[in-house]
Amino acid sequence: MAINGEVQLQEFDGATTVTLFDINNDPHTLTLAEGKAVAAAVGAEYRIRFAAKQAAMRALADVDLAAVDAIDQINAIEFANYLPIDPQE
């Protein structure tokens, strides 16, 4: 289930906490406010990565497959190039 959906269901049921699971399937019990913050952060990161994927897909669609360098055009498309630069790095 999506993180935000789980938070909303728990809130609807009158709970004050929500248990979310990390990548290792370890449980983390959070307040609803903390759960909403996690959902917002994950959602924001997803939007960034989805937009980058869509940009890379558009770049692939723009490749001239009849061109002599079509394979080079395809190989030049790297997902990481479509992600915004993190100013903290």
Foldseek 3Di string as FASTA:
>chain_A
DQLVVQLVVCVVVVHQWGWDADPVRDTDIDGSVVSVVVNVVVVVVVVQLVQLVVVLVVQLVPQDPVDPCSVVSNVVRDSVVSGDDDPVD
